[in-house]
Amino acid sequence: WLAPLRRVLAQDAQGTLRATLEAWCAHDGQVQTCAQALGIHRNTLRYRLERIGELSGLDLNRFDQRLQLSLGLGLLEPGEG
């Protein structure tokens, strides 16, 4: 469950991708609302989500794979990543 998420976090020294993924999950994948909450342009959000997909090896267009990342966030230990 955590392996794809850990691949993302290993390449996310600034924590930007994790924050993006957390916000995206919190906003149920709604691009515009999530981008507004993060204070970024929706194209920036789309770029970050593509990057998360590339690093994780998951297809974020598939519900089961999005769910895996969302559950992975919940399984992380505090401060992990």
PDB file of N, CA and C in Angstrom:
ATOM      1  N   TRP A   1       0.803  -1.203   0.000  1.00  0.00           N
ATOM      2  CA  TRP A   1       0.000   0.000   0.000  1.00  0.00           C
ATOM      3  C   TRP A   1       0.846   1.267   0.000  1.00  0.00           C
ATOM      4  N   LEU A   2       1.954   1.243   0.685  1.00  0.00           N
ATOM      5  CA  LEU A   2       2.742   2.464   0.836  1.00  0.00           C
ATOM      6  C   LEU A   2       3.845   2.633  -0.204  1.00  0.00           C
ATOM      7  N   ALA A   3       4.215   1.565  -0.880  1.00  0.00           N
ATOM      8  CA  ALA A   3       5.355   1.631  -1.808  1.00  0.00           C
ATOM      9  C   ALA A   3       5.219   2.741  -2.854  1.00  0.00           C
ATOM     10  N   PRO A   4       4.088   2.870  -3.559  1.00  0.00           N
ATOM     11  CA  PRO A   4       3.983   3.956  -4.550  1.00  0.00           C
ATOM     12  C   PRO A   4       4.112   5.339  -3.923  1.00  0.00           C
ATOM     13  N   LEU A   5       3.491   5.527  -2.771  1.00  0.00           N
ATOM     14  CA  LEU A   5       3.559   6.818  -2.093  1.00  0.00           C
ATOM     15  C   LEU A   5       4.983   7.104  -1.624  1.00  0.00           C
ATOM     16  N   ARG A   6       5.659   6.107  -1.137  1.00  0.00           N
ATOM     17  CA  ARG A   6       7.039   6.310  -0.688  1.00  0.00           C
ATOM     18  C   ARG A   6       7.959   6.683  -1.852  1.00  0.00           C
ATOM     19  N   ARG A   7       7.675   6.163  -3.050  1.00  0.00           N
ATOM     20  CA  ARG A   7       8.472   6.557  -4.226  1.00  0.00           C
ATOM     21  C   ARG A   7       8.291   8.043  -4.512  1.00  0.00           C
ATOM     22  N   VAL A   8       7.087   8.529  -4.324  1.00  0.00           N
ATOM     23  CA  VAL A   8       6.819   9.963  -4.519  1.00  0.00           C
ATOM     24  C   VAL A   8       7.555  10.768  -3.453  1.00  0.00           C
ATOM     25  N   LEU A   9       7.394  10.369  -2.213  1.00  0.00           N
ATOM     26  CA  LEU A   9       7.981  11.124  -1.100  1.00  0.00           C
ATOM     27  C   LEU A   9       9.508  11.134  -1.153  1.00  0.00           C
ATOM     28  N   ALA A  10      10.094  10.082  -1.698  1.00  0.00           N
ATOM     29  CA  ALA A  10      11.554  10.022  -1.809  1.00  0.00           C
ATOM     30  C   ALA A  10      12.089  11.095  -2.751  1.00  0.00           C
ATOM     31  N   GLN A  11      11.259  11.575  -3.671  1.00  0.00           N
ATOM     32  CA  GLN A  11      11.664  12.599  -4.635  1.00  0.00           C
ATOM     33  C   GLN A  11      11.066  13.965  -4.298  1.00  0.00           C
ATOM     34  N   ASP A  12      10.547  14.105  -3.081  1.00  0.00           N
ATOM     35  CA  ASP A  12       9.808  15.306  -2.703  1.00  0.00           C
ATOM     36  C   ASP A  12      10.438  15.982  -1.494  1.00  0.00           C
ATOM     37  N   ALA A  13      11.663  16.447  -1.646  1.00  0.00           N
ATOM     38  CA  ALA A  13      12.408  17.039  -0.529  1.00  0.00           C
ATOM     39  C   ALA A  13      11.697  18.259   0.069  1.00  0.00           C
ATOM     40  N   GLN A  14      11.018  19.021  -0.746  1.00  0.00           N
ATOM     41  CA  GLN A  14      10.340  20.237  -0.278  1.00  0.00           C
ATOM     42  C   GLN A  14       8.965  19.962   0.329  1.00  0.00           C
ATOM     43  N   GLY A  15       8.428  18.769   0.090  1.00  0.00           N
ATOM     44  CA  GLY A  15       7.101  18.435   0.596  1.00  0.00           C
ATOM     45  C   GLY A  15       5.963  18.947  -0.258  1.00  0.00           C
ATOM     46  N   THR A  16       6.286  19.492  -1.426  1.00  0.00           N
ATOM     47  CA  THR A  16       5.280  20.081  -2.309  1.00  0.00           C
ATOM     48  C   THR A  16       4.319  19.030  -2.845  1.00  0.00           C
ATOM     49  N   LEU A  17       4.852  17.896  -3.270  1.00  0.00           N
ATOM     50  CA  LEU A  17       3.996  16.864  -3.849  1.00  0.00           C
ATOM     51  C   LEU A  17       3.087  16.250  -2.788  1.00  0.00           C
ATOM     52  N   ARG A  18       3.615  16.056  -1.596  1.00  0.00           N
ATOM     53  CA  ARG A  18       2.782  15.515  -0.517  1.00  0.00           C
ATOM     54  C   ARG A  18       1.652  16.483  -0.186  1.00  0.00           C
ATOM     55  N   ALA A  19       1.959  17.752  -0.050  1.00  0.00           N
ATOM     56  CA  ALA A  19       0.934  18.758   0.243  1.00  0.00           C
ATOM     57  C   ALA A  19      -0.107  18.803  -0.869  1.00  0.00           C
ATOM     58  N   THR A  20       0.358  18.689  -2.101  1.00  0.00           N
ATOM     59  CA  THR A  20      -0.548  18.682  -3.248  1.00  0.00           C
ATOM     60  C   THR A  20      -1.469  17.472  -3.184  1.00  0.00           C
ATOM     61  N   LEU A  21      -0.906  16.314  -2.934  1.00  0.00           N
ATOM     62  CA  LEU A  21      -1.698  15.091  -2.869  1.00  0.00           C
ATOM     63  C   LEU A  21      -2.696  15.136  -1.713  1.00  0.00           C
ATOM     64  N   GLU A  22      -2.270  15.634  -0.575  1.00  0.00           N
ATOM     65  CA  GLU A  22      -3.173  15.749   0.577  1.00  0.00           C
ATOM     66  C   GLU A  22      -4.335  16.688   0.261  1.00  0.00           C
ATOM     67  N   ALA A  23      -4.037  17.821  -0.346  1.00  0.00           N
ATOM     68  CA  ALA A  23      -5.089  18.780  -0.702  1.00  0.00           C
ATOM     69  C   ALA A  23      -6.012  18.208  -1.763  1.00  0.00           C
ATOM     70  N   TRP A  24      -5.447  17.517  -2.723  1.00  0.00           N
ATOM     71  CA  TRP A  24      -6.236  16.930  -3.813  1.00  0.00           C
ATOM     72  C   TRP A  24      -7.203  15.894  -3.257  1.00  0.00           C
ATOM     73  N   CYS A  25      -6.727  15.075  -2.346  1.00  0.00           N
ATOM     74  CA  CYS A  25      -7.597  14.080  -1.712  1.00  0.00           C
ATOM     75  C   CYS A  25      -8.658  14.763  -0.858  1.00  0.00           C
ATOM     76  N   ALA A  26      -8.280  15.789  -0.134  1.00  0.00           N
ATOM     77  CA  ALA A  26      -9.220  16.509   0.731  1.00  0.00           C
ATOM     78  C   ALA A  26     -10.320  17.198  -0.072  1.00  0.00           C
ATOM     79  N   HIS A  27     -10.023  17.535  -1.328  1.00  0.00           N
ATOM     80  CA  HIS A  27     -11.007  18.207  -2.186  1.00  0.00           C
ATOM     81  C   HIS A  27     -11.606  17.249  -3.207  1.00  0.00           C
ATOM     82  N   ASP A  28     -11.527  15.960  -2.908  1.00  0.00           N
ATOM     83  CA  ASP A  28     -12.156  14.916  -3.744  1.00  0.00           C
ATOM     84  C   ASP A  28     -11.774  15.003  -5.213  1.00  0.00           C
ATOM     85  N   GLY A  29     -10.535  15.383  -5.480  1.00  0.00           N
ATOM     86  CA  GLY A  29     -10.054  15.426  -6.854  1.00  0.00           C
ATOM     87  C   GLY A  29     -10.598  16.580  -7.677  1.00  0.00           C
ATOM     88  N   GLN A  30     -11.235  17.538  -7.041  1.00  0.00           N
ATOM     89  CA  GLN A  30     -11.761  18.701  -7.756  1.00  0.00           C
ATOM     90  C   GLN A  30     -10.615  19.673  -8.031  1.00  0.00           C
ATOM     91  N   VAL A  31     -10.216  19.739  -9.281  1.00  0.00           N
ATOM     92  CA  VAL A  31      -9.017  20.484  -9.662  1.00  0.00           C
ATOM     93  C   VAL A  31      -9.103  21.961  -9.289  1.00  0.00           C
ATOM     94  N   GLN A  32     -10.170  22.624  -9.662  1.00  0.00           N
ATOM     95  CA  GLN A  32     -10.259  24.065  -9.434  1.00  0.00           C
ATOM     96  C   GLN A  32     -10.261  24.398  -7.936  1.00  0.00           C
ATOM     97  N   THR A  33     -11.058  23.678  -7.158  1.00  0.00           N
ATOM     98  CA  THR A  33     -11.124  23.959  -5.713  1.00  0.00           C
ATOM     99  C   THR A  33      -9.808  23.657  -5.043  1.00  0.00           C
ATOM    100  N   CYS A  34      -9.178  22.581  -5.446  1.00  0.00           N
ATOM    101  CA  CYS A  34      -7.888  22.208  -4.867  1.00  0.00           C
ATOM    102  C   CYS A  34      -6.832  23.258  -5.207  1.00  0.00           C
ATOM    103  N   ALA A  35      -6.792  23.680  -6.464  1.00  0.00           N
ATOM    104  CA  ALA A  35      -5.816  24.691  -6.885  1.00  0.00           C
ATOM    105  C   ALA A  35      -6.015  25.986  -6.094  1.00  0.00           C
ATOM    106  N   GLN A  36      -7.261  26.380  -5.902  1.00  0.00           N
ATOM    107  CA  GLN A  36      -7.544  27.590  -5.123  1.00  0.00           C
ATOM    108  C   GLN A  36      -7.072  27.429  -3.682  1.00  0.00           C
ATOM    109  N   ALA A  37      -7.316  26.256  -3.094  1.00  0.00           N
ATOM    110  CA  ALA A  37      -6.904  26.020  -1.711  1.00  0.00           C
ATOM    111  C   ALA A  37      -5.388  26.067  -1.570  1.00  0.00           C
ATOM    112  N   LEU A  38      -4.682  25.588  -2.588  1.00  0.00           N
ATOM    113  CA  LEU A  38      -3.214  25.601  -2.574  1.00  0.00           C
ATOM    114  C   LEU A  38      -2.638  26.949  -2.999  1.00  0.00           C
ATOM    115  N   GLY A  39      -3.477  27.803  -3.588  1.00  0.00           N
ATOM    116  CA  GLY A  39      -3.009  29.099  -4.064  1.00  0.00           C
ATOM    117  C   GLY A  39      -2.160  28.991  -5.312  1.00  0.00           C
ATOM    118  N   ILE A  40      -2.492  28.009  -6.169  1.00  0.00           N
ATOM    119  CA  ILE A  40      -1.742  27.800  -7.405  1.00  0.00           C
ATOM    120  C   ILE A  40      -2.716  27.758  -8.585  1.00  0.00           C
ATOM    121  N   HIS A  41      -2.173  27.879  -9.780  1.00  0.00           N
ATOM    122  CA  HIS A  41      -2.972  27.778 -10.994  1.00  0.00           C
ATOM    123  C   HIS A  41      -3.330  26.314 -11.224  1.00  0.00           C
ATOM    124  N   ARG A  42      -4.495  26.080 -11.812  1.00  0.00           N
ATOM    125  CA  ARG A  42      -4.917  24.687 -12.034  1.00  0.00           C
ATOM    126  C   ARG A  42      -3.963  23.919 -12.935  1.00  0.00           C
ATOM    127  N   ASN A  43      -3.271  24.612 -13.844  1.00  0.00           N
ATOM    128  CA  ASN A  43      -2.286  23.918 -14.686  1.00  0.00           C
ATOM    129  C   ASN A  43      -1.081  23.469 -13.860  1.00  0.00           C
ATOM    130  N   THR A  44      -0.718  24.243 -12.854  1.00  0.00           N
ATOM    131  CA  THR A  44       0.353  23.847 -11.949  1.00  0.00           C
ATOM    132  C   THR A  44      -0.069  22.600 -11.182  1.00  0.00           C
ATOM    133  N   LEU A  45      -1.320  22.584 -10.736  1.00  0.00           N
ATOM    134  CA  LEU A  45      -1.833  21.407 -10.041  1.00  0.00           C
ATOM    135  C   LEU A  45      -1.795  20.190 -10.961  1.00  0.00           C
ATOM    136  N   ARG A  46      -2.229  20.365 -12.182  1.00  0.00           N
ATOM    137  CA  ARG A  46      -2.218  19.240 -13.129  1.00  0.00           C
ATOM    138  C   ARG A  46      -0.795  18.739 -13.359  1.00  0.00           C
ATOM    139  N   TYR A  47       0.158  19.642 -13.474  1.00  0.00           N
ATOM    140  CA  TYR A  47       1.547  19.238 -13.644  1.00  0.00           C
ATOM    141  C   TYR A  47       2.009  18.419 -12.439  1.00  0.00           C
ATOM    142  N   ARG A  48       1.708  18.904 -11.239  1.00  0.00           N
ATOM    143  CA  ARG A  48       2.119  18.185 -10.027  1.00  0.00           C
ATOM    144  C   ARG A  48       1.475  16.811  -9.950  1.00  0.00           C
ATOM    145  N   LEU A  49       0.197  16.719 -10.321  1.00  0.00           N
ATOM    146  CA  LEU A  49      -0.480  15.422 -10.304  1.00  0.00           C
ATOM    147  C   LEU A  49       0.129  14.468 -11.326  1.00  0.00           C
ATOM    148  N   GLU A  50       0.508  14.990 -12.482  1.00  0.00           N
ATOM    149  CA  GLU A  50       1.206  14.161 -13.473  1.00  0.00           C
ATOM    150  C   GLU A  50       2.515  13.653 -12.907  1.00  0.00           C
ATOM    151  N   ARG A  51       3.231  14.511 -12.223  1.00  0.00           N
ATOM    152  CA  ARG A  51       4.506  14.133 -11.603  1.00  0.00           C
ATOM    153  C   ARG A  51       4.292  13.052 -10.541  1.00  0.00           C
ATOM    154  N   ILE A  52       3.261  13.204  -9.731  1.00  0.00           N
ATOM    155  CA  ILE A  52       2.934  12.194  -8.716  1.00  0.00           C
ATOM    156  C   ILE A  52       2.636  10.856  -9.406  1.00  0.00           C
ATOM    157  N   GLY A  53       1.885  10.901 -10.491  1.00  0.00           N
ATOM    158  CA  GLY A  53       1.578   9.690 -11.245  1.00  0.00           C
ATOM    159  C   GLY A  53       2.829   9.033 -11.804  1.00  0.00           C
ATOM    160  N   GLU A  54       3.732   9.838 -12.353  1.00  0.00           N
ATOM    161  CA  GLU A  54       4.983   9.311 -12.903  1.00  0.00           C
ATOM    162  C   GLU A  54       5.829   8.652 -11.823  1.00  0.00           C
ATOM    163  N   LEU A  55       5.994   9.336 -10.708  1.00  0.00           N
ATOM    164  CA  LEU A  55       6.852   8.822  -9.637  1.00  0.00           C
ATOM    165  C   LEU A  55       6.250   7.593  -8.955  1.00  0.00           C
ATOM    166  N   SER A  56       4.942   7.598  -8.791  1.00  0.00           N
ATOM    167  CA  SER A  56       4.293   6.491  -8.092  1.00  0.00           C
ATOM    168  C   SER A  56       4.083   5.280  -8.997  1.00  0.00           C
ATOM    169  N   GLY A  57       4.021   5.533 -10.300  1.00  0.00           N
ATOM    170  CA  GLY A  57       3.712   4.451 -11.235  1.00  0.00           C
ATOM    171  C   GLY A  57       2.223   4.147 -11.285  1.00  0.00           C
ATOM    172  N   LEU A  58       1.413   5.031 -10.703  1.00  0.00           N
ATOM    173  CA  LEU A  58      -0.034   4.830 -10.671  1.00  0.00           C
ATOM    174  C   LEU A  58      -0.725   5.770 -11.654  1.00  0.00           C
ATOM    175  N   ASP A  59      -1.884   5.337 -12.126  1.00  0.00           N
ATOM    176  CA  ASP A  59      -2.710   6.138 -13.021  1.00  0.00           C
ATOM    177  C   ASP A  59      -3.762   6.846 -12.173  1.00  0.00           C
ATOM    178  N   LEU A  60      -3.609   8.148 -11.985  1.00  0.00           N
ATOM    179  CA  LEU A  60      -4.515   8.893 -11.119  1.00  0.00           C
ATOM    180  C   LEU A  60      -5.907   9.066 -11.713  1.00  0.00           C
ATOM    181  N   ASN A  61      -6.093   8.629 -12.961  1.00  0.00           N
ATOM    182  CA  ASN A  61      -7.425   8.647 -13.552  1.00  0.00           C
ATOM    183  C   ASN A  61      -8.246   7.445 -13.096  1.00  0.00           C
ATOM    184  N   ARG A  62      -7.579   6.460 -12.516  1.00  0.00           N
ATOM    185  CA  ARG A  62      -8.266   5.256 -12.032  1.00  0.00           C
ATOM    186  C   ARG A  62      -8.585   5.401 -10.551  1.00  0.00           C
ATOM    187  N   PHE A  63      -9.842   5.196 -10.208  1.00  0.00           N
ATOM    188  CA  PHE A  63     -10.291   5.358  -8.833  1.00  0.00           C
ATOM    189  C   PHE A  63      -9.505   4.481  -7.857  1.00  0.00           C
ATOM    190  N   ASP A  64      -9.305   3.207  -8.205  1.00  0.00           N
ATOM    191  CA  ASP A  64      -8.625   2.294  -7.288  1.00  0.00           C
ATOM    192  C   ASP A  64      -7.192   2.736  -7.007  1.00  0.00           C
ATOM    193  N   GLN A  65      -6.542   3.335  -7.986  1.00  0.00           N
ATOM    194  CA  GLN A  65      -5.161   3.780  -7.795  1.00  0.00           C
ATOM    195  C   GLN A  65      -5.098   5.107  -7.040  1.00  0.00           C
ATOM    196  N   ARG A  66      -6.075   5.972  -7.258  1.00  0.00           N
ATOM    197  CA  ARG A  66      -6.170   7.196  -6.445  1.00  0.00           C
ATOM    198  C   ARG A  66      -6.438   6.831  -4.994  1.00  0.00           C
ATOM    199  N   LEU A  67      -7.302   5.850  -4.805  1.00  0.00           N
ATOM    200  CA  LEU A  67      -7.630   5.398  -3.459  1.00  0.00           C
ATOM    201  C   LEU A  67      -6.393   4.846  -2.758  1.00  0.00           C
ATOM    202  N   GLN A  68      -5.552   4.153  -3.488  1.00  0.00           N
ATOM    203  CA  GLN A  68      -4.331   3.604  -2.896  1.00  0.00           C
ATOM    204  C   GLN A  68      -3.448   4.729  -2.343  1.00  0.00           C
ATOM    205  N   LEU A  69      -3.288   5.796  -3.096  1.00  0.00           N
ATOM    206  CA  LEU A  69      -2.487   6.924  -2.613  1.00  0.00           C
ATOM    207  C   LEU A  69      -3.151   7.606  -1.420  1.00  0.00           C
ATOM    208  N   SER A  70      -4.453   7.763  -1.491  1.00  0.00           N
ATOM    209  CA  SER A  70      -5.174   8.397  -0.394  1.00  0.00           C
ATOM    210  C   SER A  70      -5.052   7.574   0.885  1.00  0.00           C
ATOM    211  N   LEU A  71      -5.240   6.283   0.781  1.00  0.00           N
ATOM    212  CA  LEU A  71      -5.095   5.414   1.949  1.00  0.00           C
ATOM    213  C   LEU A  71      -3.654   5.408   2.447  1.00  0.00           C
ATOM    214  N   GLY A  72      -2.722   5.450   1.527  1.00  0.00           N
ATOM    215  CA  GLY A  72      -1.313   5.497   1.908  1.00  0.00           C
ATOM    216  C   GLY A  72      -0.997   6.708   2.758  1.00  0.00           C
ATOM    217  N   LEU A  73      -1.576   7.846   2.417  1.00  0.00           N
ATOM    218  CA  LEU A  73      -1.362   9.056   3.219  1.00  0.00           C
ATOM    219  C   LEU A  73      -1.837   8.837   4.653  1.00  0.00           C
ATOM    220  N   GLY A  74      -2.953   8.162   4.792  1.00  0.00           N
ATOM    221  CA  GLY A  74      -3.495   7.902   6.116  1.00  0.00           C
ATOM    222  C   GLY A  74      -2.676   6.890   6.911  1.00  0.00           C
ATOM    223  N   LEU A  75      -1.948   6.031   6.207  1.00  0.00           N
ATOM    224  CA  LEU A  75      -1.152   4.995   6.872  1.00  0.00           C
ATOM    225  C   LEU A  75       0.240   5.458   7.281  1.00  0.00           C
ATOM    226  N   LEU A  76       0.667   6.597   6.758  1.00  0.00           N
ATOM    227  CA  LEU A  76       1.991   7.092   7.089  1.00  0.00           C
ATOM    228  C   LEU A  76       2.079   7.456   8.577  1.00  0.00           C
ATOM    229  N   GLU A  77       3.215   7.204   9.136  1.00  0.00           N
ATOM    230  CA  GLU A  77       3.469   7.627  10.507  1.00  0.00           C
ATOM    231  C   GLU A  77       3.634   9.151  10.527  1.00  0.00           C
ATOM    232  N   PRO A  78       3.270   9.809  11.619  1.00  0.00           N
ATOM    233  CA  PRO A  78       3.476  11.265  11.697  1.00  0.00           C
ATOM    234  C   PRO A  78       4.947  11.633  11.432  1.00  0.00           C
ATOM    235  N   GLY A  79       5.155  12.571  10.549  1.00  0.00           N
ATOM    236  CA  GLY A  79       6.514  13.005  10.227  1.00  0.00           C
ATOM    237  C   GLY A  79       7.206  12.149   9.192  1.00  0.00           C
ATOM    238  N   GLU A  80       6.584  11.043   8.770  1.00  0.00           N
ATOM    239  CA  GLU A  80       7.204  10.171   7.770  1.00  0.00           C
ATOM    240  C   GLU A  80       7.101  10.820   6.406  1.00  0.00           C
ATOM    241  N   GLY A  81       8.148  10.651   5.636  1.00  0.00           N
ATOM    242  CA  GLY A  81       8.114  11.163   4.277  1.00  0.00           C
ATOM    243  C   GLY A  81       9.076  12.257   4.157  1.00  0.00           C
TER     244      GLY A  81
END
